[in-house]
Amino acid sequence: MPEAVARGVVRLTDERRYDVPVLVVCPEFTPEQARGWIDGGDAPELAKAKHLDLVDIDSGHWPMLTRPDELARLLATAAANA
């Protein structure tokens, strides 16, 4: 990855971003754990999302490699419901 990607600063100012549906795929943690982190202030952007779904997939770190069909179904369902 280019250094600028890792070190760059992005400033998001358009409040409409919170209206964009968000799907959190939970491969190594549960949706309940993710909700706790969000509610605890660890992910302030997600806390402000108006349309937030969390889905569980028991796949390890790389669901696109270990459970690609299930991941594709989760993403397709989220897109269809957005």
PDB file of N, CA and C in Angstrom:
ATOM      1  N   MET A   1       0.847  -1.154   0.000  1.00  0.00           N
ATOM      2  CA  MET A   1       0.000   0.000   0.000  1.00  0.00           C
ATOM      3  C   MET A   1       0.901   1.227   0.000  1.00  0.00           C
ATOM      4  N   PRO A   2       0.533   2.219  -0.784  1.00  0.00           N
ATOM      5  CA  PRO A   2       1.311   3.464  -0.789  1.00  0.00           C
ATOM      6  C   PRO A   2       1.279   4.132   0.591  1.00  0.00           C
ATOM      7  N   GLU A   3       2.382   4.739   0.964  1.00  0.00           N
ATOM      8  CA  GLU A   3       2.490   5.368   2.281  1.00  0.00           C
ATOM      9  C   GLU A   3       1.407   6.420   2.495  1.00  0.00           C
ATOM     10  N   ALA A   4       1.073   7.158   1.441  1.00  0.00           N
ATOM     11  CA  ALA A   4       0.070   8.216   1.581  1.00  0.00           C
ATOM     12  C   ALA A   4      -1.289   7.656   1.999  1.00  0.00           C
ATOM     13  N   VAL A   5      -1.590   6.435   1.603  1.00  0.00           N
ATOM     14  CA  VAL A   5      -2.862   5.827   1.996  1.00  0.00           C
ATOM     15  C   VAL A   5      -2.872   5.569   3.500  1.00  0.00           C
ATOM     16  N   ALA A   6      -1.776   5.066   4.011  1.00  0.00           N
ATOM     17  CA  ALA A   6      -1.702   4.740   5.433  1.00  0.00           C
ATOM     18  C   ALA A   6      -1.571   5.976   6.320  1.00  0.00           C
ATOM     19  N   ARG A   7      -0.915   7.000   5.831  1.00  0.00           N
ATOM     20  CA  ARG A   7      -0.632   8.170   6.668  1.00  0.00           C
ATOM     21  C   ARG A   7      -1.481   9.392   6.330  1.00  0.00           C
ATOM     22  N   GLY A   8      -2.193   9.332   5.237  1.00  0.00           N
ATOM     23  CA  GLY A   8      -2.972  10.481   4.802  1.00  0.00           C
ATOM     24  C   GLY A   8      -4.106  10.816   5.758  1.00  0.00           C
ATOM     25  N   VAL A   9      -4.482  12.060   5.782  1.00  0.00           N
ATOM     26  CA  VAL A   9      -5.579  12.536   6.620  1.00  0.00           C
ATOM     27  C   VAL A   9      -6.759  12.835   5.710  1.00  0.00           C
ATOM     28  N   VAL A  10      -7.901  12.292   6.070  1.00  0.00           N
ATOM     29  CA  VAL A  10      -9.131  12.537   5.328  1.00  0.00           C
ATOM     30  C   VAL A  10     -10.086  13.261   6.263  1.00  0.00           C
ATOM     31  N   ARG A  11     -10.643  14.347   5.787  1.00  0.00           N
ATOM     32  CA  ARG A  11     -11.616  15.101   6.577  1.00  0.00           C
ATOM     33  C   ARG A  11     -12.964  15.016   5.874  1.00  0.00           C
ATOM     34  N   LEU A  12     -13.892  14.353   6.523  1.00  0.00           N
ATOM     35  CA  LEU A  12     -15.233  14.210   5.977  1.00  0.00           C
ATOM     36  C   LEU A  12     -16.129  15.247   6.643  1.00  0.00           C
ATOM     37  N   THR A  13     -16.793  16.051   5.824  1.00  0.00           N
ATOM     38  CA  THR A  13     -17.589  17.137   6.391  1.00  0.00           C
ATOM     39  C   THR A  13     -19.057  17.095   5.987  1.00  0.00           C
ATOM     40  N   ASP A  14     -19.415  16.294   5.020  1.00  0.00           N
ATOM     41  CA  ASP A  14     -20.791  16.247   4.534  1.00  0.00           C
ATOM     42  C   ASP A  14     -21.623  15.338   5.444  1.00  0.00           C
ATOM     43  N   GLU A  15     -22.533  15.925   6.175  1.00  0.00           N
ATOM     44  CA  GLU A  15     -23.355  15.179   7.129  1.00  0.00           C
ATOM     45  C   GLU A  15     -24.246  14.142   6.449  1.00  0.00           C
ATOM     46  N   ARG A  16     -24.453  14.258   5.146  1.00  0.00           N
ATOM     47  CA  ARG A  16     -25.276  13.271   4.436  1.00  0.00           C
ATOM     48  C   ARG A  16     -24.642  11.888   4.447  1.00  0.00           C
ATOM     49  N   ARG A  17     -23.358  11.816   4.772  1.00  0.00           N
ATOM     50  CA  ARG A  17     -22.691  10.513   4.799  1.00  0.00           C
ATOM     51  C   ARG A  17     -23.329   9.582   5.823  1.00  0.00           C
ATOM     52  N   TYR A  18     -23.961  10.122   6.840  1.00  0.00           N
ATOM     53  CA  TYR A  18     -24.592   9.282   7.854  1.00  0.00           C
ATOM     54  C   TYR A  18     -25.886   8.640   7.365  1.00  0.00           C
ATOM     55  N   ASP A  19     -26.390   9.092   6.217  1.00  0.00           N
ATOM     56  CA  ASP A  19     -27.582   8.491   5.620  1.00  0.00           C
ATOM     57  C   ASP A  19     -27.249   7.289   4.739  1.00  0.00           C
ATOM     58  N   VAL A  20     -25.987   7.095   4.423  1.00  0.00           N
ATOM     59  CA  VAL A  20     -25.573   5.976   3.571  1.00  0.00           C
ATOM     60  C   VAL A  20     -25.654   4.689   4.390  1.00  0.00           C
ATOM     61  N   PRO A  21     -26.361   3.673   3.882  1.00  0.00           N
ATOM     62  CA  PRO A  21     -26.435   2.406   4.625  1.00  0.00           C
ATOM     63  C   PRO A  21     -25.045   1.800   4.833  1.00  0.00           C
ATOM     64  N   VAL A  22     -24.825   1.281   6.037  1.00  0.00           N
ATOM     65  CA  VAL A  22     -23.533   0.694   6.405  1.00  0.00           C
ATOM     66  C   VAL A  22     -23.755  -0.753   6.833  1.00  0.00           C
ATOM     67  N   LEU A  23     -22.916  -1.634   6.316  1.00  0.00           N
ATOM     68  CA  LEU A  23     -22.922  -3.032   6.728  1.00  0.00           C
ATOM     69  C   LEU A  23     -21.569  -3.344   7.347  1.00  0.00           C
ATOM     70  N   VAL A  24     -21.576  -3.807   8.582  1.00  0.00           N
ATOM     71  CA  VAL A  24     -20.349  -4.243   9.242  1.00  0.00           C
ATOM     72  C   VAL A  24     -20.354  -5.768   9.215  1.00  0.00           C
ATOM     73  N   VAL A  25     -19.386  -6.335   8.513  1.00  0.00           N
ATOM     74  CA  VAL A  25     -19.230  -7.784   8.459  1.00  0.00           C
ATOM     75  C   VAL A  25     -18.331  -8.182   9.625  1.00  0.00           C
ATOM     76  N   CYS A  26     -18.812  -9.089  10.455  1.00  0.00           N
ATOM     77  CA  CYS A  26     -18.118  -9.469  11.692  1.00  0.00           C
ATOM     78  C   CYS A  26     -17.515 -10.867  11.538  1.00  0.00           C
ATOM     79  N   PRO A  27     -16.256 -10.963  11.071  1.00  0.00           N
ATOM     80  CA  PRO A  27     -15.674 -12.272  10.812  1.00  0.00           C
ATOM     81  C   PRO A  27     -14.944 -12.900  12.000  1.00  0.00           C
ATOM     82  N   GLU A  28     -14.379 -12.094  12.873  1.00  0.00           N
ATOM     83  CA  GLU A  28     -13.605 -12.611  14.006  1.00  0.00           C
ATOM     84  C   GLU A  28     -14.153 -12.120  15.339  1.00  0.00           C
ATOM     85  N   PHE A  29     -15.302 -11.520  15.291  1.00  0.00           N
ATOM     86  CA  PHE A  29     -15.960 -10.997  16.481  1.00  0.00           C
ATOM     87  C   PHE A  29     -17.448 -11.047  16.207  1.00  0.00           C
ATOM     88  N   THR A  30     -18.241 -10.980  17.253  1.00  0.00           N
ATOM     89  CA  THR A  30     -19.686 -11.070  17.077  1.00  0.00           C
ATOM     90  C   THR A  30     -20.290  -9.685  16.836  1.00  0.00           C
ATOM     91  N   PRO A  31     -21.483  -9.657  16.259  1.00  0.00           N
ATOM     92  CA  PRO A  31     -22.172  -8.374  16.139  1.00  0.00           C
ATOM     93  C   PRO A  31     -22.391  -7.712  17.505  1.00  0.00           C
ATOM     94  N   GLU A  32     -22.590  -8.521  18.539  1.00  0.00           N
ATOM     95  CA  GLU A  32     -22.778  -7.962  19.879  1.00  0.00           C
ATOM     96  C   GLU A  32     -21.506  -7.267  20.363  1.00  0.00           C
ATOM     97  N   GLN A  33     -20.356  -7.882  20.091  1.00  0.00           N
ATOM     98  CA  GLN A  33     -19.091  -7.243  20.462  1.00  0.00           C
ATOM     99  C   GLN A  33     -18.914  -5.936  19.691  1.00  0.00           C
ATOM    100  N   ALA A  34     -19.203  -5.969  18.399  1.00  0.00           N
ATOM    101  CA  ALA A  34     -19.072  -4.762  17.579  1.00  0.00           C
ATOM    102  C   ALA A  34     -19.995  -3.666  18.095  1.00  0.00           C
ATOM    103  N   ARG A  35     -21.222  -4.032  18.436  1.00  0.00           N
ATOM    104  CA  ARG A  35     -22.177  -3.048  18.964  1.00  0.00           C
ATOM    105  C   ARG A  35     -21.637  -2.448  20.265  1.00  0.00           C
ATOM    106  N   GLY A  36     -21.038  -3.263  21.098  1.00  0.00           N
ATOM    107  CA  GLY A  36     -20.448  -2.758  22.341  1.00  0.00           C
ATOM    108  C   GLY A  36     -19.331  -1.770  22.076  1.00  0.00           C
ATOM    109  N   TRP A  37     -18.493  -2.066  21.092  1.00  0.00           N
ATOM    110  CA  TRP A  37     -17.399  -1.146  20.747  1.00  0.00           C
ATOM    111  C   TRP A  37     -17.947   0.164  20.198  1.00  0.00           C
ATOM    112  N   ILE A  38     -18.974   0.049  19.353  1.00  0.00           N
ATOM    113  CA  ILE A  38     -19.585   1.251  18.777  1.00  0.00           C
ATOM    114  C   ILE A  38     -20.220   2.086  19.888  1.00  0.00           C
ATOM    115  N   ASP A  39     -21.028   1.433  20.725  1.00  0.00           N
ATOM    116  CA  ASP A  39     -21.694   2.140  21.824  1.00  0.00           C
ATOM    117  C   ASP A  39     -20.695   2.698  22.834  1.00  0.00           C
ATOM    118  N   GLY A  40     -19.528   2.066  22.939  1.00  0.00           N
ATOM    119  CA  GLY A  40     -18.498   2.513  23.874  1.00  0.00           C
ATOM    120  C   GLY A  40     -17.622   3.633  23.340  1.00  0.00           C
ATOM    121  N   GLY A  41     -17.879   4.068  22.106  1.00  0.00           N
ATOM    122  CA  GLY A  41     -17.144   5.198  21.552  1.00  0.00           C
ATOM    123  C   GLY A  41     -15.936   4.843  20.711  1.00  0.00           C
ATOM    124  N   ASP A  42     -15.717   3.544  20.454  1.00  0.00           N
ATOM    125  CA  ASP A  42     -14.546   3.140  19.676  1.00  0.00           C
ATOM    126  C   ASP A  42     -14.691   3.378  18.175  1.00  0.00           C
ATOM    127  N   ALA A  43     -15.915   3.609  17.714  1.00  0.00           N
ATOM    128  CA  ALA A  43     -16.147   3.837  16.282  1.00  0.00           C
ATOM    129  C   ALA A  43     -17.181   4.953  16.127  1.00  0.00           C
ATOM    130  N   PRO A  44     -16.778   6.207  16.367  1.00  0.00           N
ATOM    131  CA  PRO A  44     -17.746   7.308  16.372  1.00  0.00           C
ATOM    132  C   PRO A  44     -18.477   7.499  15.046  1.00  0.00           C
ATOM    133  N   GLU A  45     -17.829   7.228  13.936  1.00  0.00           N
ATOM    134  CA  GLU A  45     -18.514   7.361  12.643  1.00  0.00           C
ATOM    135  C   GLU A  45     -19.660   6.358  12.544  1.00  0.00           C
ATOM    136  N   LEU A  46     -19.424   5.133  13.001  1.00  0.00           N
ATOM    137  CA  LEU A  46     -20.481   4.125  12.950  1.00  0.00           C
ATOM    138  C   LEU A  46     -21.606   4.460  13.918  1.00  0.00           C
ATOM    139  N   ALA A  47     -21.287   5.058  15.042  1.00  0.00           N
ATOM    140  CA  ALA A  47     -22.312   5.433  16.017  1.00  0.00           C
ATOM    141  C   ALA A  47     -23.284   6.450  15.435  1.00  0.00           C
ATOM    142  N   LYS A  48     -22.841   7.240  14.489  1.00  0.00           N
ATOM    143  CA  LYS A  48     -23.691   8.268  13.888  1.00  0.00           C
ATOM    144  C   LYS A  48     -24.463   7.770  12.673  1.00  0.00           C
ATOM    145  N   ALA A  49     -24.146   6.566  12.194  1.00  0.00           N
ATOM    146  CA  ALA A  49     -24.824   6.031  11.010  1.00  0.00           C
ATOM    147  C   ALA A  49     -26.301   5.809  11.309  1.00  0.00           C
ATOM    148  N   LYS A  50     -27.154   6.245  10.397  1.00  0.00           N
ATOM    149  CA  LYS A  50     -28.596   6.114  10.586  1.00  0.00           C
ATOM    150  C   LYS A  50     -29.108   4.749  10.157  1.00  0.00           C
ATOM    151  N   HIS A  51     -28.365   4.069   9.310  1.00  0.00           N
ATOM    152  CA  HIS A  51     -28.766   2.762   8.787  1.00  0.00           C
ATOM    153  C   HIS A  51     -27.573   1.818   8.931  1.00  0.00           C
ATOM    154  N   LEU A  52     -27.490   1.145  10.070  1.00  0.00           N
ATOM    155  CA  LEU A  52     -26.336   0.303  10.388  1.00  0.00           C
ATOM    156  C   LEU A  52     -26.792  -1.124  10.632  1.00  0.00           C
ATOM    157  N   ASP A  53     -26.223  -2.048   9.873  1.00  0.00           N
ATOM    158  CA  ASP A  53     -26.478  -3.472  10.077  1.00  0.00           C
ATOM    159  C   ASP A  53     -25.162  -4.161  10.391  1.00  0.00           C
ATOM    160  N   LEU A  54     -25.216  -5.121  11.282  1.00  0.00           N
ATOM    161  CA  LEU A  54     -24.049  -5.930  11.631  1.00  0.00           C
ATOM    162  C   LEU A  54     -24.405  -7.379  11.341  1.00  0.00           C
ATOM    163  N   VAL A  55     -23.544  -8.074  10.603  1.00  0.00           N
ATOM    164  CA  VAL A  55     -23.805  -9.466  10.268  1.00  0.00           C
ATOM    165  C   VAL A  55     -22.627 -10.331  10.683  1.00  0.00           C
ATOM    166  N   ASP A  56     -22.948 -11.514  11.156  1.00  0.00           N
ATOM    167  CA  ASP A  56     -21.940 -12.455  11.627  1.00  0.00           C
ATOM    168  C   ASP A  56     -21.559 -13.411  10.506  1.00  0.00           C
ATOM    169  N   ILE A  57     -20.278 -13.676  10.369  1.00  0.00           N
ATOM    170  CA  ILE A  57     -19.776 -14.693   9.458  1.00  0.00           C
ATOM    171  C   ILE A  57     -18.548 -15.305  10.134  1.00  0.00           C
ATOM    172  N   ASP A  58     -18.669 -16.561  10.501  1.00  0.00           N
ATOM    173  CA  ASP A  58     -17.589 -17.250  11.210  1.00  0.00           C
ATOM    174  C   ASP A  58     -16.559 -17.710  10.190  1.00  0.00           C
ATOM    175  N   SER A  59     -15.619 -16.817   9.879  1.00  0.00           N
ATOM    176  CA  SER A  59     -14.731 -17.083   8.745  1.00  0.00           C
ATOM    177  C   SER A  59     -13.264 -16.821   9.020  1.00  0.00           C
ATOM    178  N   GLY A  60     -12.941 -16.175  10.118  1.00  0.00           N
ATOM    179  CA  GLY A  60     -11.573 -15.727  10.288  1.00  0.00           C
ATOM    180  C   GLY A  60     -11.374 -14.395   9.587  1.00  0.00           C
ATOM    181  N   HIS A  61     -10.133 -13.968   9.508  1.00  0.00           N
ATOM    182  CA  HIS A  61      -9.799 -12.622   9.041  1.00  0.00           C
ATOM    183  C   HIS A  61     -10.132 -12.357   7.573  1.00  0.00           C
ATOM    184  N   TRP A  62     -10.120 -13.358   6.732  1.00  0.00           N
ATOM    185  CA  TRP A  62     -10.305 -13.156   5.292  1.00  0.00           C
ATOM    186  C   TRP A  62     -11.534 -13.899   4.781  1.00  0.00           C
ATOM    187  N   PRO A  63     -12.753 -13.420   5.045  1.00  0.00           N
ATOM    188  CA  PRO A  63     -13.944 -14.146   4.592  1.00  0.00           C
ATOM    189  C   PRO A  63     -14.024 -14.276   3.074  1.00  0.00           C
ATOM    190  N   MET A  64     -13.385 -13.369   2.349  1.00  0.00           N
ATOM    191  CA  MET A  64     -13.416 -13.464   0.889  1.00  0.00           C
ATOM    192  C   MET A  64     -12.624 -14.667   0.392  1.00  0.00           C
ATOM    193  N   LEU A  65     -11.759 -15.212   1.246  1.00  0.00           N
ATOM    194  CA  LEU A  65     -10.998 -16.412   0.887  1.00  0.00           C
ATOM    195  C   LEU A  65     -11.576 -17.668   1.527  1.00  0.00           C
ATOM    196  N   THR A  66     -12.022 -17.554   2.774  1.00  0.00           N
ATOM    197  CA  THR A  66     -12.464 -18.739   3.497  1.00  0.00           C
ATOM    198  C   THR A  66     -13.947 -19.041   3.341  1.00  0.00           C
ATOM    199  N   ARG A  67     -14.775 -18.030   3.092  1.00  0.00           N
ATOM    200  CA  ARG A  67     -16.229 -18.212   2.959  1.00  0.00           C
ATOM    201  C   ARG A  67     -16.769 -17.298   1.864  1.00  0.00           C
ATOM    202  N   PRO A  68     -16.232 -17.360   0.653  1.00  0.00           N
ATOM    203  CA  PRO A  68     -16.620 -16.393  -0.380  1.00  0.00           C
ATOM    204  C   PRO A  68     -18.098 -16.444  -0.756  1.00  0.00           C
ATOM    205  N   ASP A  69     -18.687 -17.632  -0.812  1.00  0.00           N
ATOM    206  CA  ASP A  69     -20.097 -17.719  -1.195  1.00  0.00           C
ATOM    207  C   ASP A  69     -20.994 -17.086  -0.140  1.00  0.00           C
ATOM    208  N   GLU A  70     -20.715 -17.376   1.123  1.00  0.00           N
ATOM    209  CA  GLU A  70     -21.513 -16.792   2.201  1.00  0.00           C
ATOM    210  C   GLU A  70     -21.333 -15.278   2.258  1.00  0.00           C
ATOM    211  N   LEU A  71     -20.106 -14.811   2.087  1.00  0.00           N
ATOM    212  CA  LEU A  71     -19.854 -13.373   2.077  1.00  0.00           C
ATOM    213  C   LEU A  71     -20.602 -12.709   0.927  1.00  0.00           C
ATOM    214  N   ALA A  72     -20.566 -13.326  -0.244  1.00  0.00           N
ATOM    215  CA  ALA A  72     -21.282 -12.771  -1.402  1.00  0.00           C
ATOM    216  C   ALA A  72     -22.776 -12.684  -1.122  1.00  0.00           C
ATOM    217  N   ARG A  73     -23.341 -13.706  -0.486  1.00  0.00           N
ATOM    218  CA  ARG A  73     -24.770 -13.673  -0.150  1.00  0.00           C
ATOM    219  C   ARG A  73     -25.080 -12.537   0.826  1.00  0.00           C
ATOM    220  N   LEU A  74     -24.235 -12.370   1.833  1.00  0.00           N
ATOM    221  CA  LEU A  74     -24.453 -11.288   2.801  1.00  0.00           C
ATOM    222  C   LEU A  74     -24.416  -9.923   2.127  1.00  0.00           C
ATOM    223  N   LEU A  75     -23.436  -9.725   1.257  1.00  0.00           N
ATOM    224  CA  LEU A  75     -23.303  -8.438   0.565  1.00  0.00           C
ATOM    225  C   LEU A  75     -24.451  -8.210  -0.412  1.00  0.00           C
ATOM    226  N   ALA A  76     -24.850  -9.254  -1.125  1.00  0.00           N
ATOM    227  CA  ALA A  76     -25.960  -9.124  -2.077  1.00  0.00           C
ATOM    228  C   ALA A  76     -27.260  -8.800  -1.347  1.00  0.00           C
ATOM    229  N   THR A  77     -27.481  -9.444  -0.221  1.00  0.00           N
ATOM    230  CA  THR A  77     -28.683  -9.167   0.567  1.00  0.00           C
ATOM    231  C   THR A  77     -28.680  -7.732   1.072  1.00  0.00           C
ATOM    232  N   ALA A  78     -27.550  -7.283   1.570  1.00  0.00           N
ATOM    233  CA  ALA A  78     -27.447  -5.904   2.056  1.00  0.00           C
ATOM    234  C   ALA A  78     -27.694  -4.911   0.930  1.00  0.00           C
ATOM    235  N   ALA A  79     -27.137  -5.173  -0.242  1.00  0.00           N
ATOM    236  CA  ALA A  79     -27.323  -4.268  -1.379  1.00  0.00           C
ATOM    237  C   ALA A  79     -28.783  -4.251  -1.823  1.00  0.00           C
ATOM    238  N   ALA A  80     -29.421  -5.402  -1.825  1.00  0.00           N
ATOM    239  CA  ALA A  80     -30.820  -5.479  -2.249  1.00  0.00           C
ATOM    240  C   ALA A  80     -31.741  -4.755  -1.279  1.00  0.00           C
ATOM    241  N   ASN A  81     -31.362  -4.725  -0.013  1.00  0.00           N
ATOM    242  CA  ASN A  81     -32.196  -4.091   1.012  1.00  0.00           C
ATOM    243  C   ASN A  81     -31.851  -2.626   1.258  1.00  0.00           C
ATOM    244  N   ALA A  82     -30.835  -2.116   0.583  1.00  0.00           N
ATOM    245  CA  ALA A  82     -30.395  -0.734   0.805  1.00  0.00           C
ATOM    246  C   ALA A  82     -31.326   0.255   0.140  1.00  0.00           C
TER     247      ALA A  82
END
